[in-house]
């Protein structure tokens, strides 16, 4: 298996199409963004080239390819306002393995390790992330990679008929 991580600097229509597919995948929606109600959870949207260009103004994006196929994306922001601990020099990370062919093969762990190196090369010494409490696979992965829980935001997102906490985790270099 060949894994490549490519910086996204000039989005193309194929990228917008992939992001739209992933961000509207019913299996992934509960895992990738918070929802306050069942109606929020059921909303769908399209990602345009302009949307991606706008995101690049405050995110560093990387495309994840496995054996030449685009299977996901990862990104980070620097010092966003939604950090639990507002420490200057903090990266907030996100990762989506959008295609099922990229899941369960260690791609996510390798992607996060790559992203950590990029963040360190950027001169940052801390990462914070949020993982919904029902996403036990991701929580376990982050724990194995050295992330420590620093707090919980109660009743943060709606899924499966109830509200769940957002577990905030950090890693320092």
N, C-alpha and C. Protein backbone atom coordinates (compact mmCIF):
# COMPACT_ATOMS: atom_id res chain seq x y z
N UNK A 1 0.85 -1.18 0.00
CA UNK A 1 0.00 0.00 0.00
C UNK A 1 0.90 1.24 0.00
N UNK A 2 0.65 2.13 -0.93
CA UNK A 2 1.39 3.39 -1.04
C UNK A 2 0.49 4.53 -0.57
N UNK A 3 0.96 5.27 0.44
CA UNK A 3 0.19 6.39 0.98
C UNK A 3 0.94 7.68 0.67
N UNK A 4 0.24 8.65 0.13
CA UNK A 4 0.81 9.96 -0.15
C UNK A 4 -0.02 11.04 0.53
N UNK A 5 0.68 12.06 1.01
CA UNK A 5 0.03 13.23 1.61
C UNK A 5 0.46 14.44 0.79
N UNK A 6 -0.49 15.07 0.14
CA UNK A 6 -0.19 16.16 -0.79
C UNK A 6 -0.84 17.45 -0.31
N UNK A 7 -0.07 18.54 -0.22
CA UNK A 7 -0.68 19.81 0.18
C UNK A 7 -1.73 20.24 -0.85
N UNK A 8 -2.84 20.73 -0.36
CA UNK A 8 -3.87 21.28 -1.24
C UNK A 8 -3.66 22.79 -1.27
N UNK A 9 -3.18 23.28 -2.40
CA UNK A 9 -2.94 24.72 -2.53
C UNK A 9 -3.84 25.35 -3.58
N UNK A 10 -4.18 24.60 -4.61
CA UNK A 10 -5.08 25.10 -5.65
C UNK A 10 -6.16 24.04 -5.90
N UNK A 11 -7.31 24.23 -5.26
CA UNK A 11 -8.37 23.23 -5.39
C UNK A 11 -8.88 23.09 -6.83
N UNK A 12 -9.29 21.88 -7.15
CA UNK A 12 -9.87 21.57 -8.45
C UNK A 12 -11.29 21.05 -8.22
N UNK A 13 -12.04 20.96 -9.29
CA UNK A 13 -13.42 20.49 -9.18
C UNK A 13 -13.49 19.09 -8.57
N UNK A 14 -12.54 18.25 -8.93
CA UNK A 14 -12.53 16.88 -8.38
C UNK A 14 -12.40 16.91 -6.85
N UNK A 15 -11.68 17.90 -6.31
CA UNK A 15 -11.55 18.04 -4.85
C UNK A 15 -12.88 18.47 -4.25
N UNK A 16 -13.52 19.46 -4.86
CA UNK A 16 -14.82 19.92 -4.37
C UNK A 16 -15.84 18.79 -4.41
N UNK A 17 -15.80 17.99 -5.47
CA UNK A 17 -16.72 16.85 -5.58
C UNK A 17 -16.46 15.83 -4.47
N UNK A 18 -15.20 15.54 -4.18
CA UNK A 18 -14.86 14.59 -3.12
C UNK A 18 -15.29 15.13 -1.76
N UNK A 19 -14.99 16.40 -1.48
CA UNK A 19 -15.40 16.99 -0.20
C UNK A 19 -16.92 16.96 -0.06
N UNK A 20 -17.64 17.26 -1.14
CA UNK A 20 -19.10 17.21 -1.10
C UNK A 20 -19.57 15.79 -0.78
N UNK A 21 -18.98 14.80 -1.43
CA UNK A 21 -19.35 13.41 -1.18
C UNK A 21 -19.11 13.03 0.28
N UNK A 22 -17.93 13.38 0.80
CA UNK A 22 -17.58 13.01 2.18
C UNK A 22 -18.43 13.76 3.19
N UNK A 23 -18.66 15.05 2.96
CA UNK A 23 -19.39 15.86 3.92
C UNK A 23 -20.90 15.57 3.89
N UNK A 24 -21.36 14.76 2.93
CA UNK A 24 -22.75 14.38 2.85
C UNK A 24 -22.96 12.87 3.04
N UNK A 25 -21.90 12.17 3.39
CA UNK A 25 -21.96 10.73 3.63
C UNK A 25 -22.60 10.50 5.00
N UNK A 26 -23.77 9.87 5.01
CA UNK A 26 -24.53 9.68 6.25
C UNK A 26 -23.72 8.95 7.32
N UNK A 27 -22.80 8.09 6.91
CA UNK A 27 -21.96 7.36 7.86
C UNK A 27 -20.92 8.29 8.51
N UNK A 28 -20.45 9.29 7.78
CA UNK A 28 -19.40 10.18 8.27
C UNK A 28 -19.91 11.44 8.95
N UNK A 29 -21.07 11.91 8.55
CA UNK A 29 -21.59 13.19 9.06
C UNK A 29 -21.55 13.27 10.59
N UNK A 30 -22.02 12.26 11.32
CA UNK A 30 -22.00 12.40 12.78
C UNK A 30 -20.60 12.48 13.37
N UNK A 31 -19.60 12.00 12.63
CA UNK A 31 -18.23 11.94 13.14
C UNK A 31 -17.42 13.20 12.88
N UNK A 32 -17.81 13.98 11.89
CA UNK A 32 -16.93 15.05 11.42
C UNK A 32 -17.31 16.47 11.82
N UNK A 33 -18.57 16.68 12.22
CA UNK A 33 -18.95 18.03 12.64
C UNK A 33 -20.10 17.95 13.62
N UNK A 34 -20.22 18.93 14.50
CA UNK A 34 -21.29 18.89 15.51
C UNK A 34 -22.64 19.26 14.91
N UNK A 35 -23.68 18.71 15.53
CA UNK A 35 -25.05 18.98 15.15
C UNK A 35 -25.85 19.21 16.42
N UNK A 36 -26.65 20.25 16.44
CA UNK A 36 -27.42 20.57 17.64
C UNK A 36 -28.75 19.82 17.71
N UNK A 37 -29.27 19.45 16.53
CA UNK A 37 -30.58 18.79 16.47
C UNK A 37 -30.55 17.70 15.41
N UNK A 38 -31.60 16.89 15.40
CA UNK A 38 -31.76 15.87 14.37
C UNK A 38 -31.84 16.53 12.99
N UNK A 39 -32.51 17.68 12.90
CA UNK A 39 -32.64 18.39 11.64
C UNK A 39 -31.27 18.84 11.13
N UNK A 40 -30.41 19.34 12.03
CA UNK A 40 -29.05 19.71 11.64
C UNK A 40 -28.30 18.50 11.08
N UNK A 41 -28.46 17.37 11.72
CA UNK A 41 -27.78 16.14 11.31
C UNK A 41 -28.21 15.71 9.91
N UNK A 42 -29.44 15.99 9.56
CA UNK A 42 -29.99 15.55 8.28
C UNK A 42 -29.75 16.52 7.13
N UNK A 43 -29.21 17.71 7.41
CA UNK A 43 -28.95 18.70 6.36
C UNK A 43 -27.80 18.24 5.46
N UNK A 44 -27.89 18.60 4.20
CA UNK A 44 -26.85 18.31 3.22
C UNK A 44 -26.47 19.60 2.51
N UNK A 45 -25.24 19.65 1.98
CA UNK A 45 -24.79 20.84 1.27
C UNK A 45 -23.73 20.45 0.24
N UNK A 46 -23.49 21.34 -0.67
CA UNK A 46 -22.44 21.15 -1.67
C UNK A 46 -21.23 21.99 -1.31
N UNK A 47 -20.06 21.46 -1.58
CA UNK A 47 -18.81 22.19 -1.38
C UNK A 47 -18.36 22.66 -2.76
N UNK A 48 -18.19 23.97 -2.89
CA UNK A 48 -17.78 24.54 -4.18
C UNK A 48 -16.28 24.82 -4.17
N UNK A 49 -15.76 25.10 -5.35
CA UNK A 49 -14.36 25.52 -5.44
C UNK A 49 -14.12 26.77 -4.61
N UNK A 50 -15.07 27.69 -4.64
CA UNK A 50 -14.93 28.91 -3.84
C UNK A 50 -14.91 28.60 -2.35
N UNK A 51 -15.74 27.63 -1.91
CA UNK A 51 -15.71 27.21 -0.50
C UNK A 51 -14.32 26.71 -0.12
N UNK A 52 -13.73 25.88 -0.96
CA UNK A 52 -12.39 25.35 -0.66
C UNK A 52 -11.35 26.47 -0.64
N UNK A 53 -11.44 27.38 -1.59
CA UNK A 53 -10.49 28.51 -1.60
C UNK A 53 -10.63 29.34 -0.32
N UNK A 54 -11.87 29.52 0.13
CA UNK A 54 -12.11 30.27 1.36
C UNK A 54 -11.52 29.53 2.56
N UNK A 55 -11.69 28.23 2.62
CA UNK A 55 -11.13 27.43 3.71
C UNK A 55 -9.61 27.54 3.76
N UNK A 56 -8.99 27.62 2.60
CA UNK A 56 -7.52 27.69 2.54
C UNK A 56 -6.97 29.00 3.13
N UNK A 57 -7.83 29.97 3.35
CA UNK A 57 -7.38 31.22 3.96
C UNK A 57 -7.01 31.05 5.42
N UNK A 58 -7.59 30.04 6.11
CA UNK A 58 -7.26 29.85 7.52
C UNK A 58 -7.02 28.38 7.90
N UNK A 59 -6.88 27.51 6.91
CA UNK A 59 -6.56 26.10 7.13
C UNK A 59 -5.39 25.70 6.24
N UNK A 60 -4.61 24.77 6.71
CA UNK A 60 -3.61 24.09 5.90
C UNK A 60 -4.20 22.71 5.60
N UNK A 61 -4.45 22.42 4.32
CA UNK A 61 -5.07 21.16 3.91
C UNK A 61 -4.07 20.25 3.22
N UNK A 62 -4.26 18.95 3.45
CA UNK A 62 -3.48 17.91 2.79
C UNK A 62 -4.44 16.84 2.30
N UNK A 63 -4.23 16.41 1.06
CA UNK A 63 -5.02 15.33 0.50
C UNK A 63 -4.34 14.01 0.82
N UNK A 64 -5.14 12.97 1.08
CA UNK A 64 -4.61 11.65 1.41
C UNK A 64 -4.92 10.72 0.24
N UNK A 65 -3.87 10.21 -0.39
CA UNK A 65 -4.01 9.27 -1.49
C UNK A 65 -3.49 7.91 -1.06
N UNK A 66 -4.22 6.87 -1.40
CA UNK A 66 -3.78 5.49 -1.18
C UNK A 66 -3.77 4.79 -2.52
N UNK A 67 -2.60 4.30 -2.91
CA UNK A 67 -2.45 3.63 -4.20
C UNK A 67 -3.01 4.47 -5.34
N UNK A 68 -2.73 5.78 -5.27
CA UNK A 68 -3.15 6.69 -6.33
C UNK A 68 -4.59 7.17 -6.26
N UNK A 69 -5.34 6.70 -5.28
CA UNK A 69 -6.75 7.10 -5.14
C UNK A 69 -6.91 8.09 -4.00
N UNK A 70 -7.63 9.18 -4.25
CA UNK A 70 -7.93 10.16 -3.21
C UNK A 70 -8.93 9.54 -2.24
N UNK A 71 -8.51 9.36 -0.98
CA UNK A 71 -9.37 8.71 0.01
C UNK A 71 -9.76 9.61 1.18
N UNK A 72 -9.10 10.77 1.31
CA UNK A 72 -9.42 11.62 2.44
C UNK A 72 -8.65 12.91 2.44
N UNK A 73 -8.85 13.64 3.53
CA UNK A 73 -8.15 14.91 3.73
C UNK A 73 -7.88 15.10 5.21
N UNK A 74 -6.88 15.92 5.47
CA UNK A 74 -6.60 16.33 6.83
C UNK A 74 -6.21 17.80 6.78
N UNK A 75 -6.37 18.46 7.91
CA UNK A 75 -6.12 19.89 7.91
C UNK A 75 -5.79 20.35 9.32
N UNK A 76 -5.21 21.55 9.39
CA UNK A 76 -5.05 22.20 10.68
C UNK A 76 -5.21 23.70 10.55
N UNK A 77 -5.61 24.28 11.66
CA UNK A 77 -5.74 25.73 11.82
C UNK A 77 -4.79 26.13 12.94
N UNK A 78 -4.39 27.37 12.96
CA UNK A 78 -3.53 27.87 14.03
C UNK A 78 -4.33 28.84 14.90
N UNK A 79 -4.36 28.55 16.19
CA UNK A 79 -5.01 29.39 17.20
C UNK A 79 -6.46 29.77 16.86
N UNK A 80 -7.30 28.78 16.51
CA UNK A 80 -8.70 29.12 16.23
C UNK A 80 -9.44 29.50 17.51
N UNK A 81 -10.54 30.21 17.40
CA UNK A 81 -11.27 30.68 18.59
C UNK A 81 -11.96 29.57 19.39
N UNK A 82 -12.14 28.39 18.83
CA UNK A 82 -12.87 27.33 19.52
C UNK A 82 -11.98 26.42 20.38
N UNK A 83 -10.72 26.78 20.57
CA UNK A 83 -9.86 25.98 21.44
C UNK A 83 -10.40 25.98 22.87
N UNK A 84 -10.27 24.86 23.55
CA UNK A 84 -10.63 24.80 24.96
C UNK A 84 -9.59 25.54 25.79
N UNK A 85 -8.31 25.28 25.48
CA UNK A 85 -7.20 25.99 26.12
C UNK A 85 -6.65 26.98 25.10
N UNK A 86 -6.83 28.22 25.35
CA UNK A 86 -6.38 29.25 24.40
C UNK A 86 -4.91 29.57 24.63
N UNK A 87 -4.06 28.72 24.09
CA UNK A 87 -2.61 28.92 24.18
C UNK A 87 -2.09 29.26 22.80
N UNK A 88 -1.37 30.38 22.72
CA UNK A 88 -0.80 30.78 21.44
C UNK A 88 0.14 29.70 20.93
N UNK A 89 0.10 29.49 19.62
CA UNK A 89 0.95 28.47 19.02
C UNK A 89 0.32 27.08 19.03
N UNK A 90 -1.02 27.03 19.04
CA UNK A 90 -1.74 25.77 19.07
C UNK A 90 -2.37 25.48 17.70
N UNK A 91 -2.20 24.25 17.26
CA UNK A 91 -2.86 23.79 16.04
C UNK A 91 -4.11 23.02 16.43
N UNK A 92 -5.17 23.23 15.68
CA UNK A 92 -6.40 22.44 15.80
C UNK A 92 -6.46 21.56 14.57
N UNK A 93 -6.59 20.25 14.75
CA UNK A 93 -6.53 19.36 13.60
C UNK A 93 -7.88 18.71 13.31
N UNK A 94 -8.04 18.33 12.04
CA UNK A 94 -9.19 17.57 11.60
C UNK A 94 -8.74 16.57 10.54
N UNK A 95 -9.41 15.44 10.50
CA UNK A 95 -9.07 14.41 9.50
C UNK A 95 -10.36 13.71 9.08
N UNK A 96 -10.46 13.44 7.80
CA UNK A 96 -11.58 12.67 7.27
C UNK A 96 -11.03 11.64 6.30
N UNK A 97 -11.25 10.38 6.61
CA UNK A 97 -10.98 9.31 5.65
C UNK A 97 -12.34 9.06 4.99
N UNK A 98 -12.52 9.71 3.86
CA UNK A 98 -13.84 9.76 3.23
C UNK A 98 -14.22 8.52 2.46
N UNK A 99 -13.25 7.82 1.92
CA UNK A 99 -13.54 6.62 1.14
C UNK A 99 -13.31 5.38 1.99
N UNK A 100 -14.21 4.44 1.91
CA UNK A 100 -14.11 3.23 2.74
C UNK A 100 -12.84 2.45 2.45
N UNK A 101 -12.28 2.59 1.24
CA UNK A 101 -11.04 1.88 0.89
C UNK A 101 -9.86 2.37 1.71
N UNK A 102 -9.98 3.52 2.35
CA UNK A 102 -8.89 4.06 3.17
C UNK A 102 -9.06 3.80 4.65
N UNK A 103 -10.16 3.18 5.04
CA UNK A 103 -10.43 2.96 6.47
C UNK A 103 -9.99 1.58 6.93
N UNK A 104 -9.56 1.53 8.21
CA UNK A 104 -9.20 0.26 8.81
C UNK A 104 -7.88 -0.31 8.32
N UNK A 105 -7.05 0.54 7.73
CA UNK A 105 -5.78 0.08 7.16
C UNK A 105 -4.58 0.83 7.73
N UNK A 106 -4.81 1.61 8.79
CA UNK A 106 -3.72 2.37 9.39
C UNK A 106 -3.44 3.70 8.71
N UNK A 107 -4.26 4.06 7.75
CA UNK A 107 -4.07 5.32 7.01
C UNK A 107 -4.24 6.52 7.94
N UNK A 108 -5.25 6.47 8.80
CA UNK A 108 -5.51 7.58 9.71
C UNK A 108 -4.35 7.84 10.64
N UNK A 109 -3.77 6.80 11.20
CA UNK A 109 -2.63 6.96 12.12
C UNK A 109 -1.44 7.56 11.38
N UNK A 110 -1.15 7.06 10.20
CA UNK A 110 -0.03 7.60 9.42
C UNK A 110 -0.28 9.06 9.03
N UNK A 111 -1.53 9.37 8.70
CA UNK A 111 -1.88 10.73 8.32
C UNK A 111 -1.68 11.69 9.50
N UNK A 112 -2.12 11.29 10.67
CA UNK A 112 -1.96 12.15 11.84
C UNK A 112 -0.48 12.35 12.17
N UNK A 113 0.31 11.30 12.07
CA UNK A 113 1.74 11.43 12.34
C UNK A 113 2.40 12.37 11.34
N UNK A 114 2.00 12.30 10.08
CA UNK A 114 2.50 13.23 9.07
C UNK A 114 2.10 14.66 9.43
N UNK A 115 0.84 14.84 9.79
CA UNK A 115 0.33 16.17 10.12
C UNK A 115 1.06 16.74 11.34
N UNK A 116 1.35 15.90 12.31
CA UNK A 116 2.10 16.36 13.49
C UNK A 116 3.47 16.91 13.09
N UNK A 117 4.14 16.23 12.16
CA UNK A 117 5.45 16.72 11.69
C UNK A 117 5.32 18.06 10.97
N UNK A 118 4.28 18.19 10.16
CA UNK A 118 4.04 19.45 9.46
C UNK A 118 3.80 20.59 10.46
N UNK A 119 3.04 20.28 11.49
CA UNK A 119 2.73 21.28 12.52
C UNK A 119 3.99 21.68 13.27
N UNK A 120 4.82 20.71 13.59
CA UNK A 120 6.09 21.01 14.25
C UNK A 120 6.98 21.85 13.33
N UNK A 121 7.03 21.51 12.04
CA UNK A 121 7.82 22.29 11.08
C UNK A 121 7.29 23.72 10.95
N UNK A 122 6.04 23.92 11.26
CA UNK A 122 5.42 25.24 11.24
C UNK A 122 5.81 26.04 12.49
N UNK A 123 6.51 25.37 13.44
CA UNK A 123 6.95 26.04 14.65
C UNK A 123 5.97 25.98 15.80
N UNK A 124 4.98 25.12 15.70
CA UNK A 124 3.98 25.00 16.76
C UNK A 124 4.35 23.86 17.70
N UNK A 125 3.96 23.99 18.96
CA UNK A 125 4.36 22.99 19.96
C UNK A 125 3.19 22.31 20.64
N UNK A 126 1.98 22.61 20.19
CA UNK A 126 0.80 22.01 20.83
C UNK A 126 -0.29 21.77 19.80
N UNK A 127 -0.99 20.65 19.94
CA UNK A 127 -2.15 20.32 19.12
C UNK A 127 -3.32 20.09 20.05
N UNK A 128 -4.48 20.61 19.65
CA UNK A 128 -5.72 20.31 20.35
C UNK A 128 -6.70 19.78 19.31
N UNK A 129 -7.56 18.87 19.75
CA UNK A 129 -8.58 18.33 18.88
C UNK A 129 -9.82 18.00 19.69
N UNK A 130 -10.91 17.78 18.99
CA UNK A 130 -12.13 17.34 19.62
C UNK A 130 -12.58 16.04 18.98
N UNK A 131 -13.05 15.11 19.81
CA UNK A 131 -13.59 13.85 19.31
C UNK A 131 -14.87 13.56 20.08
N UNK A 132 -15.94 13.28 19.35
CA UNK A 132 -17.22 13.03 20.01
C UNK A 132 -17.15 11.74 20.81
N UNK A 133 -17.77 11.74 21.97
CA UNK A 133 -17.61 10.61 22.89
C UNK A 133 -18.09 9.28 22.32
N UNK A 134 -19.00 9.28 21.37
CA UNK A 134 -19.45 8.02 20.78
C UNK A 134 -18.46 7.47 19.75
N UNK A 135 -17.48 8.27 19.35
CA UNK A 135 -16.49 7.86 18.35
C UNK A 135 -15.31 7.18 19.06
N UNK A 136 -15.58 6.01 19.57
CA UNK A 136 -14.58 5.31 20.41
C UNK A 136 -13.34 4.89 19.63
N UNK A 137 -13.50 4.57 18.35
CA UNK A 137 -12.32 4.18 17.55
C UNK A 137 -11.35 5.34 17.43
N UNK A 138 -11.85 6.53 17.14
CA UNK A 138 -10.98 7.70 17.01
C UNK A 138 -10.36 8.06 18.36
N UNK A 139 -11.16 7.99 19.41
CA UNK A 139 -10.65 8.30 20.75
C UNK A 139 -9.49 7.37 21.11
N UNK A 140 -9.64 6.10 20.82
CA UNK A 140 -8.59 5.12 21.09
C UNK A 140 -7.34 5.42 20.25
N UNK A 141 -7.53 5.74 18.98
CA UNK A 141 -6.40 6.07 18.11
C UNK A 141 -5.64 7.28 18.66
N UNK A 142 -6.33 8.35 19.00
CA UNK A 142 -5.66 9.53 19.52
C UNK A 142 -4.93 9.22 20.82
N UNK A 143 -5.54 8.43 21.67
CA UNK A 143 -4.89 8.03 22.93
C UNK A 143 -3.60 7.26 22.65
N UNK A 144 -3.67 6.32 21.71
CA UNK A 144 -2.47 5.53 21.35
C UNK A 144 -1.37 6.41 20.79
N UNK A 145 -1.75 7.51 20.14
CA UNK A 145 -0.76 8.41 19.55
C UNK A 145 -0.25 9.46 20.54
N UNK A 146 -0.68 9.36 21.80
CA UNK A 146 -0.14 10.24 22.82
C UNK A 146 -0.98 11.44 23.19
N UNK A 147 -2.20 11.52 22.70
CA UNK A 147 -3.08 12.64 23.05
C UNK A 147 -3.71 12.36 24.41
N UNK A 148 -3.84 13.41 25.21
CA UNK A 148 -4.40 13.31 26.57
C UNK A 148 -5.67 14.14 26.65
N UNK A 149 -6.65 13.61 27.35
CA UNK A 149 -7.91 14.33 27.54
C UNK A 149 -7.67 15.54 28.45
N UNK A 150 -8.22 16.68 28.03
CA UNK A 150 -8.08 17.91 28.82
C UNK A 150 -9.43 18.49 29.25
N UNK A 151 -10.52 17.89 28.77
CA UNK A 151 -11.84 18.37 29.17
C UNK A 151 -12.92 17.82 28.27
N UNK A 152 -14.16 18.10 28.68
CA UNK A 152 -15.32 17.65 27.91
C UNK A 152 -16.33 18.79 27.83
N UNK A 153 -16.87 18.98 26.66
CA UNK A 153 -17.96 19.92 26.47
C UNK A 153 -19.24 19.10 26.43
N UNK A 154 -20.02 19.19 27.48
CA UNK A 154 -21.22 18.37 27.64
C UNK A 154 -22.30 18.74 26.61
N UNK A 155 -23.07 17.73 26.22
CA UNK A 155 -24.19 17.91 25.30
C UNK A 155 -23.82 18.78 24.10
N UNK A 156 -22.73 18.42 23.46
CA UNK A 156 -22.15 19.23 22.38
C UNK A 156 -22.75 18.91 21.02
N UNK A 157 -23.08 17.64 20.78
CA UNK A 157 -23.57 17.25 19.46
C UNK A 157 -24.69 16.23 19.58
N UNK A 158 -25.59 16.28 18.60
CA UNK A 158 -26.72 15.35 18.56
C UNK A 158 -26.38 14.18 17.64
N UNK A 159 -26.68 12.96 18.12
CA UNK A 159 -26.56 11.76 17.30
C UNK A 159 -27.30 10.61 17.97
N UNK A 160 -27.92 9.78 17.18
CA UNK A 160 -28.57 8.57 17.66
C UNK A 160 -29.57 8.84 18.79
N UNK A 161 -30.33 9.94 18.62
CA UNK A 161 -31.40 10.23 19.55
C UNK A 161 -31.04 10.96 20.83
N UNK A 162 -29.78 11.37 20.96
CA UNK A 162 -29.41 12.10 22.19
C UNK A 162 -28.20 13.00 21.94
N UNK A 163 -27.89 13.80 22.96
CA UNK A 163 -26.75 14.71 22.90
C UNK A 163 -25.53 14.03 23.53
N UNK A 164 -24.37 14.27 22.95
CA UNK A 164 -23.11 13.66 23.38
C UNK A 164 -22.08 14.76 23.65
N UNK A 165 -21.10 14.42 24.47
CA UNK A 165 -20.01 15.34 24.78
C UNK A 165 -18.97 15.37 23.67
N UNK A 166 -18.24 16.47 23.61
CA UNK A 166 -17.05 16.58 22.77
C UNK A 166 -15.86 16.43 23.71
N UNK A 167 -15.06 15.41 23.51
CA UNK A 167 -13.87 15.19 24.33
C UNK A 167 -12.74 15.98 23.70
N UNK A 168 -12.17 16.89 24.47
CA UNK A 168 -11.03 17.67 23.98
C UNK A 168 -9.76 17.01 24.44
N UNK A 169 -8.81 16.89 23.50
CA UNK A 169 -7.53 16.24 23.77
C UNK A 169 -6.40 17.12 23.28
N UNK A 170 -5.22 16.93 23.86
CA UNK A 170 -4.07 17.71 23.43
C UNK A 170 -2.84 16.83 23.38
N UNK A 171 -1.87 17.32 22.61
CA UNK A 171 -0.54 16.71 22.55
C UNK A 171 0.46 17.85 22.46
N UNK A 172 1.53 17.70 23.22
CA UNK A 172 2.59 18.73 23.20
C UNK A 172 3.87 18.11 22.66
N UNK A 173 4.67 18.96 22.03
CA UNK A 173 5.96 18.51 21.49
C UNK A 173 7.10 19.19 22.23
